Amino acid sequence: MRLLRRLVFYIDYLRIKRQAKAAGMYFPFGKLYPCLDERNADSGSASGHYFHQDLLVARRIFKNNPQRHVDIGSRIDGFIAHVAVFREIEVFDIRPLNNVIPNIIFKQFDLMSNNFKLKDYCDSVSSLHAIEHFGLGRYGDKLDYNGHLKGLKNIYKMLKKNGKFYFSVPIGPQRIEFNAHRVFSVKYLIKLIQDKYQIDSFSYVNDEGDLFRDVSLNPEYFEKHYGCKYGCGIFELTKITKSNSLN
C-alpha cells in the first residue's frame, strides 16, 4: 500500500511540474516533502478527552461569567487558550511558563504546599486532567502518595462559598500507572467531593473518545465505571460549607 502511495506521489509530482512549466514557474520547487498518509484522512479529530473537556468547560465558564477564574495545571494550548479568547484567566502550575500571553496571568505554584495561604481567593476554579498527576514526580513535583488529596484540599480553601469548581480526571478501575497518572473510580470521587460540593453536572468521555454530557450519577454505573477503562470524568461543582467539610 505504501509503495502504491509513493507511485501516486511521483506521478502527481511530474504532473504538477508540467503545470508549473506552463504557468511560468513563479513558485519554484524546493526539496520534496512527501505526505503519503493524508489523502483519505478526515479533516481533523473532534473527539478524545482534551477536545471535549476543554470545549465543554470553556463554554460553562463563558456562561457563568465568574469575577475571578483560576486554573490549576490545565493545558495551555487547549483549555487555557479557549478561555483567554473571551476573558482573563489566572494560571497556577508547578512548571514554568516563559511566554507572556494576553489575558493569561501566570504564577508558578505548588498546589500540594502545606503553607497554602490563598483562602477564599476566587469564585471559580478549573483543573482539567491535572490532579491525577499530583505527587507522582512526572513534572518535577515531590513524590507524595496523597498528593491529589492535598491539591484538592487547597483548591477547596481557595474557592469562595458557592464558587464553582470544574475538574476532570481519568476514570476507570482505580489504580496508579506510575509515574504517568492515577485513574479514579467514580465511586471514590463521589466520596471525596460529596460533603464539600454540590454536584451540578457530571459528563464523561468514554474509551473511544465520545462525550456523554450531563449523565445521571447512578450508583448502578459506579462499579462498571460507566464502561470505561481509561475514560475522562468531567465535574461541575458548587462549593458548600458544612461542619464536616475541610477547613
Protein backbone atom coordinates (compact mmCIF):
# COMPACT_ATOMS: atom_id res chain seq x y z
CA MET A 1 0.00 0.00 0.00
CA ARG A 2 2.79 2.44 0.87
CA LEU A 3 4.61 1.60 -2.38
CA LEU A 4 1.43 2.45 -4.27
CA ARG A 5 1.16 5.76 -2.43
CA ARG A 6 4.74 6.61 -3.39
CA LEU A 7 3.98 5.82 -7.02
CA VAL A 8 0.93 8.11 -6.92
CA PHE A 9 3.09 10.80 -5.31
CA TYR A 10 5.68 10.74 -8.10
CA ILE A 11 3.03 10.69 -10.84
CA ASP A 12 1.39 13.73 -9.22
CA TYR A 13 4.80 15.39 -8.89
CA LEU A 14 5.50 15.03 -12.60
CA ARG A 15 2.02 16.36 -13.43
CA ILE A 16 2.35 19.48 -11.29
CA LYS A 17 5.86 20.11 -12.65
CA ARG A 18 4.39 20.21 -16.15
CA GLN A 19 1.67 22.58 -14.95
CA ALA A 20 4.31 24.81 -13.30
CA LYS A 21 6.35 24.99 -16.50
CA ALA A 22 3.27 26.03 -18.47
CA ALA A 23 2.40 28.68 -15.85
CA GLY A 24 5.89 30.20 -15.80
CA MET A 25 7.31 28.65 -12.58
CA TYR A 26 6.50 31.64 -10.35
CA PHE A 27 6.55 29.17 -7.42
CA PRO A 28 9.92 27.37 -7.75
CA PHE A 29 10.13 23.87 -6.25
CA GLY A 30 12.17 23.17 -3.12
CA LYS A 31 13.05 19.80 -1.64
CA LEU A 32 10.48 17.04 -1.83
CA TYR A 33 8.30 16.63 1.26
CA PRO A 34 6.05 13.56 0.70
CA CYS A 35 2.84 13.43 2.75
CA LEU A 36 1.66 9.94 1.90
CA ASP A 37 -0.93 9.17 4.57
CA GLU A 38 -3.33 12.11 4.43
CA ARG A 39 -5.05 11.79 1.05
CA ASN A 40 -8.05 9.96 2.52
CA ALA A 41 -7.79 11.23 6.10
CA ASP A 42 -10.54 13.13 7.94
CA SER A 43 -10.36 16.91 8.21
CA GLY A 44 -9.38 16.64 11.90
CA SER A 45 -10.23 14.98 15.18
CA ALA A 46 -13.27 16.17 17.13
CA SER A 47 -13.04 13.55 19.85
CA GLY A 48 -10.99 12.49 22.85
CA HIS A 49 -10.53 13.64 26.42
CA TYR A 50 -8.92 17.01 25.79
CA PHE A 51 -11.07 18.10 22.87
CA HIS A 52 -14.33 17.52 24.72
CA GLN A 53 -13.34 18.65 28.22
CA ASP A 54 -11.66 21.86 27.01
CA LEU A 55 -14.63 22.92 24.91
CA LEU A 56 -17.28 21.88 27.44
CA VAL A 57 -15.74 23.64 30.44
CA ALA A 58 -14.79 26.78 28.47
CA ARG A 59 -18.44 27.09 27.45
CA ARG A 60 -19.59 26.72 31.07
CA ILE A 61 -17.19 29.44 32.24
CA PHE A 62 -18.37 31.75 29.47
CA LYS A 63 -21.97 31.17 30.54
CA ASN A 64 -21.34 31.58 34.30
CA ASN A 65 -19.02 34.59 33.89
CA PRO A 66 -17.20 34.49 37.27
CA GLN A 67 -15.48 37.52 38.77
CA ARG A 68 -12.11 35.76 39.08
CA HIS A 69 -11.28 32.46 37.44
CA VAL A 70 -8.15 30.47 38.32
CA ASP A 71 -6.92 27.36 36.54
CA ILE A 72 -4.71 24.69 38.05
CA GLY A 73 -2.43 22.88 35.61
CA SER A 74 -4.70 22.54 32.56
CA ARG A 75 -3.35 22.53 29.03
CA ILE A 76 -2.13 25.98 27.90
CA ASP A 77 -2.56 25.27 24.18
CA GLY A 78 -6.07 23.90 24.69
CA PHE A 79 -8.39 24.90 27.50
CA ILE A 80 -6.43 27.97 28.66
CA ALA A 81 -6.28 29.32 25.11
CA HIS A 82 -10.04 28.80 24.73
CA VAL A 83 -10.83 30.80 27.87
CA ALA A 84 -8.26 33.55 27.18
CA VAL A 85 -10.15 34.39 23.98
CA PHE A 86 -13.04 35.88 25.95
CA ARG A 87 -11.76 36.69 29.47
CA GLU A 88 -8.80 37.00 31.83
CA ILE A 89 -7.63 33.78 33.46
CA GLU A 90 -5.05 33.19 36.18
CA VAL A 91 -2.99 30.03 35.74
CA PHE A 92 -1.18 28.22 38.58
CA ASP A 93 1.25 25.47 37.63
CA ILE A 94 4.31 23.86 39.19
CA ARG A 95 6.01 24.13 35.80
CA PRO A 96 7.24 27.47 34.43
CA LEU A 97 5.65 29.34 31.54
CA ASN A 98 8.11 31.50 29.64
CA ASN A 99 5.66 33.25 27.32
CA VAL A 100 3.68 36.41 28.02
CA ILE A 101 0.18 35.97 26.61
CA PRO A 102 -2.70 38.47 26.70
CA ASN A 103 -5.44 37.59 29.22
CA ILE A 104 -3.25 34.92 30.89
CA ILE A 105 -1.75 35.76 34.30
CA PHE A 106 0.71 33.00 35.20
CA LYS A 107 2.01 32.09 38.66
CA GLN A 108 4.39 29.20 39.31
CA PHE A 109 2.88 27.49 42.30
CA ASP A 110 2.85 24.11 44.07
CA LEU A 111 -0.77 23.26 44.91
CA MET A 112 0.43 20.49 47.26
CA SER A 113 2.07 23.05 49.54
CA ASN A 114 1.42 22.74 53.27
CA ASN A 115 1.79 26.53 53.56
CA PHE A 116 -1.10 27.40 51.27
CA LYS A 117 -2.39 30.87 52.12
CA LEU A 118 -4.86 31.78 49.34
CA LYS A 119 -8.07 31.27 51.28
CA ASP A 120 -11.30 32.49 49.64
CA TYR A 121 -9.20 33.75 46.73
CA CYS A 122 -11.64 33.32 43.85
CA ASP A 123 -15.16 32.34 42.88
CA SER A 124 -14.23 29.91 40.08
CA VAL A 125 -11.52 27.25 39.66
CA SER A 126 -10.75 24.71 36.96
CA SER A 127 -8.30 21.82 36.87
CA LEU A 128 -8.57 19.59 33.80
CA HIS A 129 -6.54 16.40 33.51
CA ALA A 130 -4.08 17.63 36.13
CA ILE A 131 -4.97 16.39 39.62
CA GLU A 132 -4.19 12.79 38.65
CA HIS A 133 -0.50 13.77 38.33
CA PHE A 134 -0.06 15.42 41.73
CA GLY A 135 2.70 13.74 43.76
CA LEU A 136 3.94 11.29 41.11
CA GLY A 137 7.06 13.28 40.20
CA ARG A 138 6.27 13.43 36.49
CA TYR A 139 6.51 17.21 36.30
CA GLY A 140 9.21 17.80 38.89
CA ASP A 141 6.79 17.73 41.82
CA LYS A 142 7.80 15.94 45.00
CA LEU A 143 6.68 12.35 45.44
CA ASP A 144 3.57 12.19 47.60
CA TYR A 145 1.13 9.28 47.52
CA ASN A 146 -1.58 11.62 48.85
CA GLY A 147 -0.68 14.48 46.51
CA HIS A 148 -4.12 14.54 44.90
CA LEU A 149 -5.77 14.91 48.32
CA LYS A 150 -3.52 17.83 49.25
CA GLY A 151 -4.24 19.52 45.94
CA LEU A 152 -7.98 19.12 46.33
CA LYS A 153 -7.84 20.40 49.90
CA ASN A 154 -6.02 23.58 48.82
CA ILE A 155 -8.40 24.14 45.91
CA TYR A 156 -11.31 23.91 48.35
CA LYS A 157 -9.63 26.53 50.54
CA MET A 158 -9.03 28.98 47.70
CA LEU A 159 -12.61 28.79 46.44
CA LYS A 160 -15.23 31.08 47.97
CA LYS A 161 -18.51 29.70 49.27
CA ASN A 162 -20.88 28.97 46.37
CA GLY A 163 -17.93 29.20 43.99
CA LYS A 164 -17.65 26.87 41.00
CA PHE A 165 -15.08 24.08 40.63
CA TYR A 166 -14.66 22.41 37.24
CA PHE A 167 -12.36 19.40 37.17
CA SER A 168 -11.64 16.32 35.17
CA VAL A 169 -9.57 13.21 35.81
CA PRO A 170 -9.18 9.79 34.20
CA ILE A 171 -11.89 7.33 35.29
CA GLY A 172 -11.92 3.55 35.31
CA PRO A 173 -10.77 0.78 37.67
CA GLN A 174 -8.82 2.69 40.33
CA ARG A 175 -5.04 2.47 40.00
CA ILE A 176 -1.72 4.33 39.71
CA GLU A 177 0.16 3.92 36.43
CA PHE A 178 3.47 5.25 37.74
CA ASN A 179 4.67 7.81 37.06
CA ALA A 180 2.19 8.94 34.43
CA HIS A 181 -1.09 9.32 36.32
CA ARG A 182 -3.75 7.98 38.63
CA VAL A 183 -7.03 6.59 37.34
CA PHE A 184 -10.01 7.17 39.67
CA SER A 185 -13.16 5.19 40.24
CA VAL A 186 -16.29 7.34 40.08
CA LYS A 187 -17.37 5.90 43.45
CA TYR A 188 -14.13 7.14 45.07
CA LEU A 189 -14.50 10.59 43.52
CA ILE A 190 -18.08 10.95 44.75
CA LYS A 191 -16.95 10.05 48.28
CA LEU A 192 -14.22 12.73 48.10
CA ILE A 193 -16.49 15.55 46.99
CA GLN A 194 -19.99 14.85 48.29
CA ASP A 195 -19.59 16.66 51.65
CA LYS A 196 -17.81 19.65 50.15
CA TYR A 197 -19.58 20.35 46.89
CA GLN A 198 -22.95 20.19 45.26
CA ILE A 199 -22.58 18.21 42.04
CA ASP A 200 -24.14 20.37 39.33
CA SER A 201 -23.30 18.08 36.43
CA PHE A 202 -21.26 15.04 35.50
CA SER A 203 -20.16 14.25 31.97
CA TYR A 204 -17.66 11.72 30.71
CA VAL A 205 -15.63 10.76 27.67
CA ASN A 206 -15.52 7.02 27.04
CA ASP A 207 -12.56 4.93 25.91
CA GLU A 208 -13.49 5.56 22.27
CA GLY A 209 -13.27 9.34 22.76
CA ASP A 210 -17.00 10.11 22.64
CA LEU A 211 -18.65 12.61 25.01
CA PHE A 212 -21.68 11.78 27.15
CA ARG A 213 -22.94 15.05 28.56
CA ASP A 214 -24.83 15.64 31.83
CA VAL A 215 -25.40 11.98 32.64
CA SER A 216 -27.08 10.63 35.75
CA LEU A 217 -24.86 9.77 38.71
CA ASN A 218 -26.44 6.39 39.22
CA PRO A 219 -24.66 4.12 41.75
CA GLU A 220 -25.56 1.22 39.49
CA TYR A 221 -23.00 2.51 36.99
CA PHE A 222 -20.24 3.28 39.51
CA GLU A 223 -18.99 -0.29 39.77
CA LYS A 224 -18.88 -0.53 35.98
CA HIS A 225 -17.07 2.81 35.70
CA TYR A 226 -19.54 3.87 33.02
CA GLY A 227 -17.94 1.29 30.77
CA CYS A 228 -14.52 2.98 30.93
CA LYS A 229 -11.09 1.51 31.49
CA TYR A 230 -9.39 4.85 30.80
CA GLY A 231 -12.12 7.42 30.31
CA CYS A 232 -12.40 11.02 31.47
CA GLY A 233 -14.86 12.19 34.14
CA ILE A 234 -15.81 15.87 33.99
CA PHE A 235 -17.46 17.51 37.01
CA GLU A 236 -19.06 20.91 37.53
CA LEU A 237 -19.35 21.56 41.27
CA THR A 238 -20.53 24.31 43.62
CA LYS A 239 -18.76 24.72 46.95
CA ILE A 240 -20.81 24.27 50.08
CA THR A 241 -19.74 24.80 53.68
CA LYS A 242 -20.68 22.22 56.28
CA SER A 243 -19.35 21.46 59.72
CA ASN A 244 -17.73 18.28 58.44
CA SER A 245 -16.08 19.91 55.42
CA LEU A 246 -12.36 20.56 55.13
CA ASN A 247 -11.19 23.88 56.56
